């Protein structure tokens, strides 16, 4: 019984932080797109990007509603959400330079979340899905272009600069997610241990 409660508690806590990091992703992706277009003059497929970001926001709102209504402890919910996020990331990267886009590093963030939040089969499935998505990016013929008609991120200097930004953002995302989730799990387990100790103490008092 206790093991079942622990599993449910971990699922709910994982879903809570997954929802939070998806809100961060919505705001971060919007900011990156606006920065690239306004300050760096890069032409972006705004209809496709807005559709992907909008889907993430809408599905996250549905997740919040579902969690408040029925708890959100279903075993299939987190694999479905993480899988859809990997597909959305692949679509966004495919139409914004493909494998030349330095933000392909965000696949590492999704694999890290899958390893922490999913059972082994789900984690390996996420790795396979990320690998397939990255392979698809090499089939993309969409190049990033500036307003002046030149291509972006195809020369090594720009690509390496973008990789530095991508590495920093990915590292921050991994550090934030792992540290917060670990702290939350630790707090949840401590609270459950205290509640169990209180229950055992009350039971011994009644027996006396």
N, C-alpha and C. Protein backbone atom coordinates (compact mmCIF):
# COMPACT_ATOMS: atom_id res chain seq x y z
N UNK A 1 0.84 -1.21 0.00
CA UNK A 1 0.00 0.00 0.00
C UNK A 1 0.87 1.25 0.00
N UNK A 2 1.92 1.24 0.85
CA UNK A 2 2.82 2.39 0.93
C UNK A 2 3.55 2.60 -0.39
N UNK A 3 3.99 1.48 -1.02
CA UNK A 3 4.69 1.57 -2.30
C UNK A 3 3.79 2.19 -3.36
N UNK A 4 2.51 1.80 -3.35
CA UNK A 4 1.57 2.37 -4.31
C UNK A 4 1.38 3.86 -4.10
N UNK A 5 1.32 4.27 -2.84
CA UNK A 5 1.18 5.70 -2.54
C UNK A 5 2.43 6.47 -2.97
N UNK A 6 3.60 5.86 -2.74
CA UNK A 6 4.84 6.51 -3.15
C UNK A 6 4.89 6.71 -4.65
N UNK A 7 4.46 5.67 -5.41
CA UNK A 7 4.47 5.75 -6.86
C UNK A 7 3.51 6.82 -7.35
N UNK A 8 2.32 6.87 -6.77
CA UNK A 8 1.35 7.89 -7.17
C UNK A 8 1.85 9.29 -6.85
N UNK A 9 2.46 9.43 -5.66
CA UNK A 9 2.99 10.73 -5.26
C UNK A 9 4.10 11.19 -6.21
N UNK A 10 4.98 10.28 -6.62
CA UNK A 10 6.06 10.63 -7.55
C UNK A 10 5.50 10.99 -8.92
N UNK A 11 4.47 10.28 -9.36
CA UNK A 11 3.85 10.61 -10.64
C UNK A 11 3.25 12.01 -10.63
N UNK A 12 2.55 12.33 -9.55
CA UNK A 12 1.90 13.64 -9.45
C UNK A 12 2.95 14.75 -9.36
N UNK A 13 4.01 14.51 -8.59
CA UNK A 13 5.06 15.51 -8.47
C UNK A 13 5.79 15.69 -9.80
N UNK A 14 6.04 14.58 -10.50
CA UNK A 14 6.68 14.67 -11.81
C UNK A 14 5.82 15.44 -12.80
N UNK A 15 4.51 15.18 -12.78
CA UNK A 15 3.61 15.91 -13.67
C UNK A 15 3.59 17.39 -13.33
N UNK A 16 3.62 17.70 -12.04
CA UNK A 16 3.62 19.10 -11.61
C UNK A 16 4.81 19.85 -12.19
N UNK A 17 6.01 19.27 -12.10
CA UNK A 17 7.20 19.95 -12.60
C UNK A 17 7.29 19.90 -14.12
N UNK A 18 6.71 18.86 -14.72
CA UNK A 18 6.64 18.82 -16.18
C UNK A 18 5.77 19.95 -16.71
N UNK A 19 4.66 20.20 -16.05
CA UNK A 19 3.80 21.31 -16.44
C UNK A 19 4.52 22.64 -16.29
N UNK A 20 5.25 22.80 -15.21
CA UNK A 20 5.97 24.05 -14.97
C UNK A 20 7.05 24.30 -16.03
N UNK A 21 7.81 23.27 -16.35
CA UNK A 21 8.88 23.46 -17.33
C UNK A 21 8.32 23.66 -18.73
N UNK A 22 7.11 23.13 -18.99
CA UNK A 22 6.48 23.38 -20.29
C UNK A 22 6.01 24.83 -20.40
N UNK A 23 5.56 25.43 -19.29
CA UNK A 23 5.23 26.86 -19.32
C UNK A 23 6.48 27.68 -19.58
N UNK A 24 7.59 27.29 -18.95
CA UNK A 24 8.85 27.99 -19.19
C UNK A 24 9.24 27.86 -20.65
N UNK A 25 9.03 26.66 -21.23
CA UNK A 25 9.36 26.45 -22.64
C UNK A 25 8.52 27.34 -23.55
N UNK A 26 7.25 27.50 -23.23
CA UNK A 26 6.37 28.36 -24.04
C UNK A 26 6.90 29.79 -24.06
N UNK A 27 7.22 30.31 -22.88
CA UNK A 27 7.73 31.68 -22.81
C UNK A 27 9.12 31.79 -23.43
N UNK A 28 9.97 30.79 -23.19
CA UNK A 28 11.32 30.83 -23.74
C UNK A 28 11.33 30.74 -25.25
N UNK A 29 10.52 29.85 -25.83
CA UNK A 29 10.45 29.72 -27.28
C UNK A 29 9.92 30.99 -27.92
N UNK A 30 8.92 31.58 -27.29
CA UNK A 30 8.38 32.84 -27.82
C UNK A 30 9.44 33.94 -27.80
N UNK A 31 10.17 34.02 -26.70
CA UNK A 31 11.22 35.04 -26.57
C UNK A 31 12.33 34.83 -27.60
N UNK A 32 12.75 33.57 -27.78
CA UNK A 32 13.81 33.28 -28.76
C UNK A 32 13.37 33.64 -30.17
N UNK A 33 12.14 33.30 -30.52
CA UNK A 33 11.64 33.61 -31.87
C UNK A 33 11.59 35.11 -32.10
N UNK A 34 11.08 35.85 -31.13
CA UNK A 34 10.99 37.31 -31.27
C UNK A 34 12.38 37.94 -31.32
N UNK A 35 13.30 37.44 -30.50
CA UNK A 35 14.66 37.97 -30.50
C UNK A 35 15.34 37.73 -31.83
N UNK A 36 15.19 36.50 -32.36
CA UNK A 36 15.82 36.16 -33.64
C UNK A 36 15.26 37.02 -34.77
N UNK A 37 13.96 37.28 -34.74
CA UNK A 37 13.34 38.04 -35.82
C UNK A 37 13.60 39.54 -35.70
N UNK A 38 13.49 40.08 -34.49
CA UNK A 38 13.57 41.53 -34.30
C UNK A 38 15.02 42.02 -34.26
N UNK A 39 15.85 41.34 -33.45
CA UNK A 39 17.22 41.83 -33.22
C UNK A 39 18.24 41.28 -34.21
N UNK A 40 17.99 40.06 -34.72
CA UNK A 40 18.96 39.46 -35.64
C UNK A 40 18.44 39.42 -37.07
N UNK A 41 17.22 39.86 -37.27
CA UNK A 41 16.68 39.95 -38.62
C UNK A 41 16.54 38.63 -39.35
N UNK A 42 16.24 37.55 -38.63
CA UNK A 42 16.10 36.23 -39.25
C UNK A 42 14.65 35.99 -39.64
N UNK A 43 14.47 35.52 -40.86
CA UNK A 43 13.12 35.17 -41.32
C UNK A 43 12.72 33.82 -40.76
N UNK A 44 11.61 33.78 -40.08
CA UNK A 44 11.15 32.55 -39.45
C UNK A 44 9.77 32.17 -39.96
N UNK A 45 9.47 30.87 -40.01
CA UNK A 45 8.11 30.42 -40.39
C UNK A 45 7.16 30.58 -39.20
N UNK A 46 6.71 31.82 -39.01
CA UNK A 46 5.96 32.13 -37.79
C UNK A 46 4.66 31.33 -37.66
N UNK A 47 4.03 30.99 -38.77
CA UNK A 47 2.78 30.23 -38.68
C UNK A 47 3.03 28.85 -38.05
N UNK A 48 4.10 28.19 -38.50
CA UNK A 48 4.42 26.86 -37.97
C UNK A 48 4.88 26.96 -36.52
N UNK A 49 5.75 27.91 -36.23
CA UNK A 49 6.26 28.06 -34.87
C UNK A 49 5.15 28.45 -33.89
N UNK A 50 4.29 29.37 -34.32
CA UNK A 50 3.18 29.78 -33.46
C UNK A 50 2.23 28.61 -33.22
N UNK A 51 2.04 27.77 -34.24
CA UNK A 51 1.17 26.61 -34.08
C UNK A 51 1.73 25.63 -33.06
N UNK A 52 3.05 25.38 -33.12
CA UNK A 52 3.69 24.45 -32.17
C UNK A 52 3.67 25.01 -30.75
N UNK A 53 4.02 26.29 -30.63
CA UNK A 53 4.03 26.91 -29.29
C UNK A 53 2.61 26.99 -28.74
N UNK A 54 1.67 27.34 -29.60
CA UNK A 54 0.27 27.41 -29.17
C UNK A 54 -0.26 26.05 -28.74
N UNK A 55 0.12 24.99 -29.46
CA UNK A 55 -0.32 23.64 -29.08
C UNK A 55 0.24 23.27 -27.71
N UNK A 56 1.52 23.62 -27.46
CA UNK A 56 2.11 23.34 -26.16
C UNK A 56 1.36 24.06 -25.05
N UNK A 57 1.05 25.34 -25.28
CA UNK A 57 0.34 26.12 -24.27
C UNK A 57 -1.06 25.57 -24.03
N UNK A 58 -1.77 25.25 -25.11
CA UNK A 58 -3.13 24.74 -24.97
C UNK A 58 -3.15 23.38 -24.28
N UNK A 59 -2.24 22.48 -24.70
CA UNK A 59 -2.20 21.16 -24.07
C UNK A 59 -1.79 21.26 -22.60
N UNK A 60 -0.95 22.24 -22.28
CA UNK A 60 -0.56 22.42 -20.89
C UNK A 60 -1.74 22.91 -20.05
N UNK A 61 -2.54 23.79 -20.62
CA UNK A 61 -3.74 24.25 -19.92
C UNK A 61 -4.70 23.08 -19.69
N UNK A 62 -4.81 22.19 -20.67
CA UNK A 62 -5.65 20.99 -20.50
C UNK A 62 -5.08 20.10 -19.40
N UNK A 63 -3.75 19.98 -19.34
CA UNK A 63 -3.12 19.18 -18.28
C UNK A 63 -3.43 19.75 -16.90
N UNK A 64 -3.35 21.07 -16.78
CA UNK A 64 -3.67 21.72 -15.49
C UNK A 64 -5.11 21.42 -15.10
N UNK A 65 -6.01 21.55 -16.05
CA UNK A 65 -7.43 21.28 -15.79
C UNK A 65 -7.65 19.82 -15.40
N UNK A 66 -6.99 18.92 -16.12
CA UNK A 66 -7.15 17.49 -15.84
C UNK A 66 -6.59 17.14 -14.46
N UNK A 67 -5.45 17.74 -14.10
CA UNK A 67 -4.85 17.46 -12.80
C UNK A 67 -5.76 17.93 -11.68
N UNK A 68 -6.38 19.09 -11.83
CA UNK A 68 -7.29 19.60 -10.80
C UNK A 68 -8.56 18.77 -10.72
N UNK A 69 -8.98 18.22 -11.85
CA UNK A 69 -10.25 17.49 -11.90
C UNK A 69 -10.11 16.05 -11.42
N UNK A 70 -9.04 15.35 -11.86
CA UNK A 70 -8.94 13.93 -11.53
C UNK A 70 -7.58 13.52 -10.98
N UNK A 71 -6.71 14.49 -10.71
CA UNK A 71 -5.42 14.16 -10.10
C UNK A 71 -4.28 14.04 -11.08
N UNK A 72 -4.50 13.39 -12.23
CA UNK A 72 -3.46 13.27 -13.24
C UNK A 72 -2.41 12.22 -12.94
N UNK A 73 -2.80 11.16 -12.23
CA UNK A 73 -1.83 10.13 -11.87
C UNK A 73 -1.76 8.96 -12.83
N UNK A 74 -2.40 9.07 -14.00
CA UNK A 74 -2.41 7.98 -14.96
C UNK A 74 -0.99 7.68 -15.47
N UNK A 75 -0.68 6.40 -15.65
CA UNK A 75 0.67 5.98 -16.03
C UNK A 75 1.04 6.45 -17.43
N UNK A 76 0.03 6.61 -18.31
CA UNK A 76 0.31 6.93 -19.71
C UNK A 76 0.45 8.42 -19.96
N UNK A 77 0.12 9.26 -18.98
CA UNK A 77 0.03 10.69 -19.23
C UNK A 77 1.40 11.31 -19.50
N UNK A 78 2.37 11.01 -18.67
CA UNK A 78 3.70 11.61 -18.85
C UNK A 78 4.40 11.13 -20.12
N UNK A 79 4.35 9.82 -20.46
CA UNK A 79 4.94 9.42 -21.74
C UNK A 79 4.30 10.11 -22.94
N UNK A 80 2.97 10.29 -22.88
CA UNK A 80 2.28 10.96 -23.98
C UNK A 80 2.73 12.41 -24.11
N UNK A 81 2.83 13.10 -22.98
CA UNK A 81 3.22 14.52 -23.01
C UNK A 81 4.66 14.67 -23.50
N UNK A 82 5.58 13.88 -22.95
CA UNK A 82 6.97 13.99 -23.35
C UNK A 82 7.16 13.59 -24.81
N UNK A 83 6.45 12.57 -25.26
CA UNK A 83 6.54 12.16 -26.66
C UNK A 83 6.05 13.25 -27.60
N UNK A 84 4.94 13.89 -27.25
CA UNK A 84 4.42 14.98 -28.09
C UNK A 84 5.36 16.18 -28.10
N UNK A 85 6.03 16.43 -26.96
CA UNK A 85 6.99 17.54 -26.91
C UNK A 85 8.20 17.28 -27.81
N UNK A 86 8.65 16.03 -27.86
CA UNK A 86 9.76 15.69 -28.74
C UNK A 86 9.36 15.87 -30.21
N UNK A 87 8.15 15.46 -30.54
CA UNK A 87 7.66 15.64 -31.92
C UNK A 87 7.55 17.12 -32.26
N UNK A 88 7.02 17.92 -31.33
CA UNK A 88 6.90 19.36 -31.58
C UNK A 88 8.27 20.01 -31.75
N UNK A 89 9.24 19.62 -30.92
CA UNK A 89 10.58 20.15 -31.06
C UNK A 89 11.16 19.81 -32.43
N UNK A 90 10.94 18.57 -32.87
CA UNK A 90 11.44 18.16 -34.18
C UNK A 90 10.82 18.98 -35.30
N UNK A 91 9.53 19.23 -35.22
CA UNK A 91 8.85 20.03 -36.25
C UNK A 91 9.43 21.45 -36.29
N UNK A 92 9.61 22.05 -35.12
CA UNK A 92 10.13 23.41 -35.06
C UNK A 92 11.55 23.49 -35.62
N UNK A 93 12.38 22.51 -35.27
CA UNK A 93 13.76 22.50 -35.75
C UNK A 93 13.82 22.21 -37.25
N UNK A 94 12.93 21.34 -37.72
CA UNK A 94 12.93 20.94 -39.13
C UNK A 94 12.73 22.15 -40.05
N UNK A 95 11.84 23.06 -39.64
CA UNK A 95 11.52 24.21 -40.48
C UNK A 95 12.39 25.43 -40.16
N UNK A 96 13.35 25.28 -39.24
CA UNK A 96 14.22 26.41 -38.91
C UNK A 96 15.69 26.00 -38.99
N UNK A 97 16.05 25.42 -40.11
CA UNK A 97 17.45 25.09 -40.36
C UNK A 97 17.81 23.63 -40.21
N UNK A 98 16.89 22.80 -39.72
CA UNK A 98 17.18 21.38 -39.58
C UNK A 98 18.34 21.13 -38.64
N UNK A 99 19.27 20.25 -39.07
CA UNK A 99 20.42 19.89 -38.23
C UNK A 99 21.38 21.05 -38.02
N UNK A 100 21.28 22.10 -38.85
CA UNK A 100 22.14 23.28 -38.66
C UNK A 100 21.69 24.13 -37.48
N UNK A 101 20.47 23.93 -37.01
CA UNK A 101 19.96 24.72 -35.89
C UNK A 101 20.66 24.28 -34.60
N UNK A 102 21.36 25.19 -33.93
CA UNK A 102 22.11 24.80 -32.72
C UNK A 102 21.22 24.38 -31.55
N UNK A 103 19.93 24.69 -31.62
CA UNK A 103 19.04 24.34 -30.52
C UNK A 103 18.63 22.87 -30.55
N UNK A 104 19.27 22.07 -31.43
CA UNK A 104 19.05 20.62 -31.38
C UNK A 104 19.50 20.05 -30.04
N UNK A 105 20.31 20.81 -29.31
CA UNK A 105 20.74 20.36 -27.97
C UNK A 105 19.57 20.13 -27.02
N UNK A 106 18.42 20.72 -27.32
CA UNK A 106 17.28 20.56 -26.43
C UNK A 106 16.76 19.12 -26.42
N UNK A 107 17.19 18.31 -27.38
CA UNK A 107 16.87 16.88 -27.29
C UNK A 107 17.43 16.28 -26.00
N UNK A 108 18.58 16.78 -25.55
CA UNK A 108 19.19 16.28 -24.31
C UNK A 108 18.30 16.56 -23.10
N UNK A 109 17.66 17.72 -23.09
CA UNK A 109 16.76 18.06 -21.99
C UNK A 109 15.58 17.10 -21.96
N UNK A 110 15.02 16.80 -23.12
CA UNK A 110 13.87 15.90 -23.17
C UNK A 110 14.27 14.48 -22.76
N UNK A 111 15.45 14.03 -23.16
CA UNK A 111 15.89 12.71 -22.75
C UNK A 111 16.15 12.65 -21.25
N UNK A 112 16.69 13.73 -20.69
CA UNK A 112 16.92 13.79 -19.25
C UNK A 112 15.60 13.70 -18.49
N UNK A 113 14.60 14.46 -18.93
CA UNK A 113 13.29 14.41 -18.27
C UNK A 113 12.68 13.03 -18.37
N UNK A 114 12.86 12.38 -19.53
CA UNK A 114 12.29 11.05 -19.71
C UNK A 114 12.94 10.04 -18.77
N UNK A 115 14.27 10.13 -18.61
CA UNK A 115 14.98 9.21 -17.72
C UNK A 115 14.49 9.36 -16.28
N UNK A 116 14.19 10.60 -15.87
CA UNK A 116 13.78 10.86 -14.49
C UNK A 116 12.31 10.53 -14.27
N UNK A 117 11.47 10.86 -15.24
CA UNK A 117 10.03 10.78 -15.03
C UNK A 117 9.39 9.47 -15.48
N UNK A 118 10.06 8.72 -16.36
CA UNK A 118 9.42 7.55 -16.96
C UNK A 118 10.10 6.27 -16.52
N UNK A 119 9.39 5.16 -16.62
CA UNK A 119 10.03 3.85 -16.38
C UNK A 119 11.05 3.58 -17.49
N UNK A 120 11.88 2.54 -17.32
CA UNK A 120 12.93 2.29 -18.32
C UNK A 120 12.44 2.21 -19.76
N UNK A 121 11.30 1.56 -19.98
CA UNK A 121 10.81 1.44 -21.36
C UNK A 121 10.47 2.80 -21.93
N UNK A 122 9.95 3.71 -21.09
CA UNK A 122 9.63 5.05 -21.56
C UNK A 122 10.86 5.87 -21.84
N UNK A 123 11.90 5.71 -20.99
CA UNK A 123 13.14 6.45 -21.20
C UNK A 123 13.81 6.01 -22.50
N UNK A 124 13.88 4.69 -22.73
CA UNK A 124 14.48 4.19 -23.97
C UNK A 124 13.64 4.60 -25.19
N UNK A 125 12.33 4.63 -25.01
CA UNK A 125 11.46 5.09 -26.10
C UNK A 125 11.72 6.54 -26.45
N UNK A 126 11.95 7.37 -25.41
CA UNK A 126 12.25 8.78 -25.66
C UNK A 126 13.60 8.94 -26.37
N UNK A 127 14.58 8.13 -25.98
CA UNK A 127 15.87 8.17 -26.66
C UNK A 127 15.72 7.80 -28.13
N UNK A 128 14.93 6.75 -28.40
CA UNK A 128 14.70 6.33 -29.78
C UNK A 128 13.97 7.42 -30.57
N UNK A 129 12.98 8.06 -29.93
CA UNK A 129 12.22 9.11 -30.61
C UNK A 129 13.10 10.32 -30.90
N UNK A 130 13.95 10.70 -29.96
CA UNK A 130 14.87 11.81 -30.17
C UNK A 130 15.86 11.49 -31.28
N UNK A 131 16.34 10.25 -31.30
CA UNK A 131 17.28 9.84 -32.35
C UNK A 131 16.62 9.90 -33.72
N UNK A 132 15.38 9.41 -33.81
CA UNK A 132 14.66 9.45 -35.08
C UNK A 132 14.39 10.90 -35.50
N UNK A 133 14.04 11.75 -34.52
CA UNK A 133 13.79 13.16 -34.84
C UNK A 133 15.05 13.85 -35.32
N UNK A 134 16.19 13.58 -34.67
CA UNK A 134 17.44 14.19 -35.09
C UNK A 134 17.84 13.72 -36.49
N UNK A 135 17.61 12.45 -36.78
CA UNK A 135 17.91 11.94 -38.12
C UNK A 135 17.04 12.64 -39.16
N UNK A 136 15.79 12.90 -38.83
CA UNK A 136 14.91 13.59 -39.77
C UNK A 136 15.40 15.00 -40.08
N UNK A 137 16.06 15.63 -39.11
CA UNK A 137 16.53 17.00 -39.34
C UNK A 137 17.56 17.07 -40.45
N UNK A 138 18.29 15.97 -40.67
CA UNK A 138 19.27 15.96 -41.75
C UNK A 138 18.60 15.89 -43.13
N UNK A 139 17.31 15.57 -43.13
CA UNK A 139 16.58 15.54 -44.40
C UNK A 139 15.96 16.90 -44.73
N UNK A 140 16.08 17.85 -43.82
CA UNK A 140 15.45 19.16 -44.01
C UNK A 140 16.27 20.01 -44.98
N UNK A 141 15.58 20.66 -45.90
CA UNK A 141 16.24 21.60 -46.82
C UNK A 141 15.84 23.05 -46.51
N UNK A 142 15.31 23.28 -45.29
CA UNK A 142 14.90 24.61 -44.88
C UNK A 142 16.10 25.34 -44.26
N UNK A 143 16.49 26.42 -44.85
CA UNK A 143 17.60 27.20 -44.33
C UNK A 143 17.09 28.47 -43.66
N UNK A 144 17.79 28.88 -42.62
CA UNK A 144 17.46 30.15 -41.98
C UNK A 144 18.03 31.28 -42.82
N UNK A 145 17.19 32.25 -43.14
CA UNK A 145 17.63 33.37 -43.95
C UNK A 145 17.39 34.68 -43.23
N UNK A 146 18.25 35.64 -43.51
CA UNK A 146 18.08 36.98 -42.95
C UNK A 146 17.15 37.78 -43.85
N UNK A 147 16.76 38.94 -43.37
CA UNK A 147 15.89 39.80 -44.17
C UNK A 147 16.58 40.28 -45.44
N UNK A 148 17.92 40.21 -45.46
CA UNK A 148 18.68 40.66 -46.62
C UNK A 148 18.94 39.54 -47.60
N UNK A 149 18.43 38.34 -47.31
CA UNK A 149 18.56 37.24 -48.26
C UNK A 149 19.69 36.28 -47.99
N UNK A 150 20.59 36.57 -47.05
CA UNK A 150 21.69 35.66 -46.74
C UNK A 150 21.25 34.54 -45.80
N UNK A 151 21.99 33.45 -45.83
CA UNK A 151 21.68 32.33 -44.94
C UNK A 151 22.32 32.53 -43.57
N UNK A 152 21.71 31.95 -42.55
CA UNK A 152 22.20 32.08 -41.18
C UNK A 152 22.52 30.70 -40.61
N UNK A 153 23.47 30.65 -39.71
CA UNK A 153 23.82 29.45 -38.95
C UNK A 153 24.42 28.33 -39.81
N UNK A 154 24.68 28.60 -41.10
CA UNK A 154 25.31 27.59 -41.93
C UNK A 154 26.84 27.68 -41.90
N UNK A 155 27.37 28.87 -41.59
CA UNK A 155 28.82 28.96 -41.44
C UNK A 155 29.20 28.52 -40.03
N UNK A 156 30.41 28.03 -39.88
CA UNK A 156 30.84 27.40 -38.63
C UNK A 156 30.86 28.38 -37.46
N UNK A 157 31.25 29.64 -37.70
CA UNK A 157 31.33 30.61 -36.61
C UNK A 157 29.96 30.85 -35.98
N UNK A 158 28.96 31.13 -36.83
CA UNK A 158 27.61 31.37 -36.33
C UNK A 158 27.05 30.12 -35.67
N UNK A 159 27.36 28.96 -36.24
CA UNK A 159 26.84 27.71 -35.68
C UNK A 159 27.43 27.45 -34.29
N UNK A 160 28.74 27.67 -34.15
CA UNK A 160 29.37 27.46 -32.85
C UNK A 160 28.87 28.45 -31.81
N UNK A 161 28.64 29.69 -32.23
CA UNK A 161 28.08 30.68 -31.29
C UNK A 161 26.69 30.26 -30.85
N UNK A 162 25.91 29.78 -31.80
CA UNK A 162 24.57 29.30 -31.45
C UNK A 162 24.62 28.09 -30.55
N UNK A 163 25.62 27.21 -30.75
CA UNK A 163 25.75 26.03 -29.90
C UNK A 163 26.06 26.41 -28.46
N UNK A 164 26.85 27.46 -28.28
CA UNK A 164 27.14 27.92 -26.92
C UNK A 164 25.85 28.36 -26.23
N UNK A 165 25.03 29.14 -26.95
CA UNK A 165 23.74 29.58 -26.39
C UNK A 165 22.86 28.37 -26.10
N UNK A 166 22.79 27.44 -27.07
CA UNK A 166 21.98 26.24 -26.88
C UNK A 166 22.44 25.41 -25.71
N UNK A 167 23.78 25.27 -25.53
CA UNK A 167 24.32 24.50 -24.43
C UNK A 167 23.97 25.14 -23.09
N UNK A 168 24.09 26.47 -23.01
CA UNK A 168 23.79 27.17 -21.76
C UNK A 168 22.32 27.00 -21.40
N UNK A 169 21.44 27.21 -22.38
CA UNK A 169 20.00 27.10 -22.12
C UNK A 169 19.61 25.67 -21.76
N UNK A 170 20.18 24.70 -22.48
CA UNK A 170 19.88 23.30 -22.17
C UNK A 170 20.39 22.93 -20.78
N UNK A 171 21.61 23.36 -20.46
CA UNK A 171 22.17 23.08 -19.13
C UNK A 171 21.34 23.70 -18.03
N UNK A 172 20.88 24.93 -18.24
CA UNK A 172 20.04 25.59 -17.24
C UNK A 172 18.72 24.84 -17.07
N UNK A 173 18.15 24.40 -18.19
CA UNK A 173 16.89 23.65 -18.11
C UNK A 173 17.05 22.35 -17.35
N UNK A 174 18.13 21.61 -17.64
CA UNK A 174 18.38 20.34 -16.96
C UNK A 174 18.63 20.57 -15.47
N UNK A 175 19.48 21.55 -15.15
CA UNK A 175 19.81 21.82 -13.75
C UNK A 175 18.56 22.24 -12.97
N UNK A 176 17.74 23.11 -13.57
CA UNK A 176 16.52 23.58 -12.89
C UNK A 176 15.56 22.42 -12.66
N UNK A 177 15.31 21.64 -13.70
CA UNK A 177 14.33 20.57 -13.60
C UNK A 177 14.78 19.51 -12.60
N UNK A 178 16.03 19.05 -12.73
CA UNK A 178 16.51 17.98 -11.86
C UNK A 178 16.58 18.43 -10.40
N UNK A 179 17.11 19.63 -10.16
CA UNK A 179 17.25 20.11 -8.78
C UNK A 179 15.89 20.32 -8.12
N UNK A 180 14.96 20.92 -8.83
CA UNK A 180 13.64 21.16 -8.25
C UNK A 180 12.87 19.87 -8.02
N UNK A 181 12.93 18.96 -8.99
CA UNK A 181 12.21 17.69 -8.84
C UNK A 181 12.82 16.87 -7.71
N UNK A 182 14.14 16.84 -7.62
CA UNK A 182 14.81 16.09 -6.55
C UNK A 182 14.44 16.66 -5.18
N UNK A 183 14.44 17.99 -5.07
CA UNK A 183 14.06 18.62 -3.81
C UNK A 183 12.61 18.31 -3.46
N UNK A 184 11.74 18.33 -4.46
CA UNK A 184 10.33 18.04 -4.22
C UNK A 184 10.12 16.60 -3.77
N UNK A 185 10.83 15.66 -4.42
CA UNK A 185 10.72 14.25 -4.02
C UNK A 185 11.23 14.04 -2.60
N UNK A 186 12.33 14.71 -2.27
CA UNK A 186 12.89 14.58 -0.93
C UNK A 186 11.90 15.11 0.11
N UNK A 187 11.30 16.26 -0.17
CA UNK A 187 10.33 16.84 0.77
C UNK A 187 9.11 15.95 0.90
N UNK A 188 8.64 15.40 -0.23
CA UNK A 188 7.47 14.54 -0.19
C UNK A 188 7.73 13.28 0.62
N UNK A 189 8.91 12.68 0.44
CA UNK A 189 9.24 11.47 1.19
C UNK A 189 9.42 11.76 2.67
N UNK A 190 9.99 12.91 3.01
CA UNK A 190 10.13 13.28 4.42
C UNK A 190 8.77 13.46 5.08
N UNK A 191 7.84 14.09 4.35
CA UNK A 191 6.49 14.29 4.89
C UNK A 191 5.78 12.96 5.08
N UNK A 192 5.96 12.04 4.12
CA UNK A 192 5.33 10.73 4.26
C UNK A 192 5.93 9.95 5.42
N UNK A 193 7.27 10.09 5.61
CA UNK A 193 7.93 9.40 6.73
C UNK A 193 7.44 9.95 8.06
N UNK A 194 7.26 11.27 8.15
CA UNK A 194 6.75 11.87 9.38
C UNK A 194 5.32 11.43 9.65
N UNK A 195 4.51 11.37 8.58
CA UNK A 195 3.12 10.94 8.75
C UNK A 195 3.06 9.49 9.21
N UNK A 196 3.93 8.65 8.65
CA UNK A 196 3.96 7.24 9.06
C UNK A 196 4.42 7.11 10.50
N UNK A 197 5.42 7.92 10.88
CA UNK A 197 5.90 7.89 12.27
C UNK A 197 4.81 8.33 13.23
N UNK A 198 4.06 9.37 12.87
CA UNK A 198 2.95 9.83 13.71
C UNK A 198 1.89 8.74 13.84
N UNK A 199 1.62 8.04 12.71
CA UNK A 199 0.63 6.97 12.75
C UNK A 199 1.07 5.82 13.64
N UNK A 200 2.37 5.45 13.55
CA UNK A 200 2.89 4.38 14.40
C UNK A 200 2.85 4.77 15.87
N UNK A 201 3.16 6.04 16.16
CA UNK A 201 3.13 6.51 17.54
C UNK A 201 1.72 6.49 18.10
N UNK A 202 0.76 6.93 17.28
CA UNK A 202 -0.64 6.91 17.73
C UNK A 202 -1.12 5.50 17.95
N UNK A 203 -0.68 4.56 17.08
CA UNK A 203 -1.10 3.15 17.23
C UNK A 203 -0.53 2.55 18.50
N UNK A 204 0.74 2.85 18.80
CA UNK A 204 1.33 2.32 20.04
C UNK A 204 0.65 2.90 21.28
N UNK A 205 0.26 4.20 21.17
CA UNK A 205 -0.43 4.83 22.30
C UNK A 205 -1.77 4.17 22.56
N UNK A 206 -2.50 3.82 21.49
CA UNK A 206 -3.79 3.16 21.64
C UNK A 206 -3.62 1.76 22.19
N UNK A 207 -2.55 1.09 21.80
CA UNK A 207 -2.34 -0.28 22.31
C UNK A 207 -2.04 -0.28 23.80
N UNK A 208 -1.32 0.78 24.26
CA UNK A 208 -1.02 0.90 25.68
C UNK A 208 -2.27 1.21 26.48
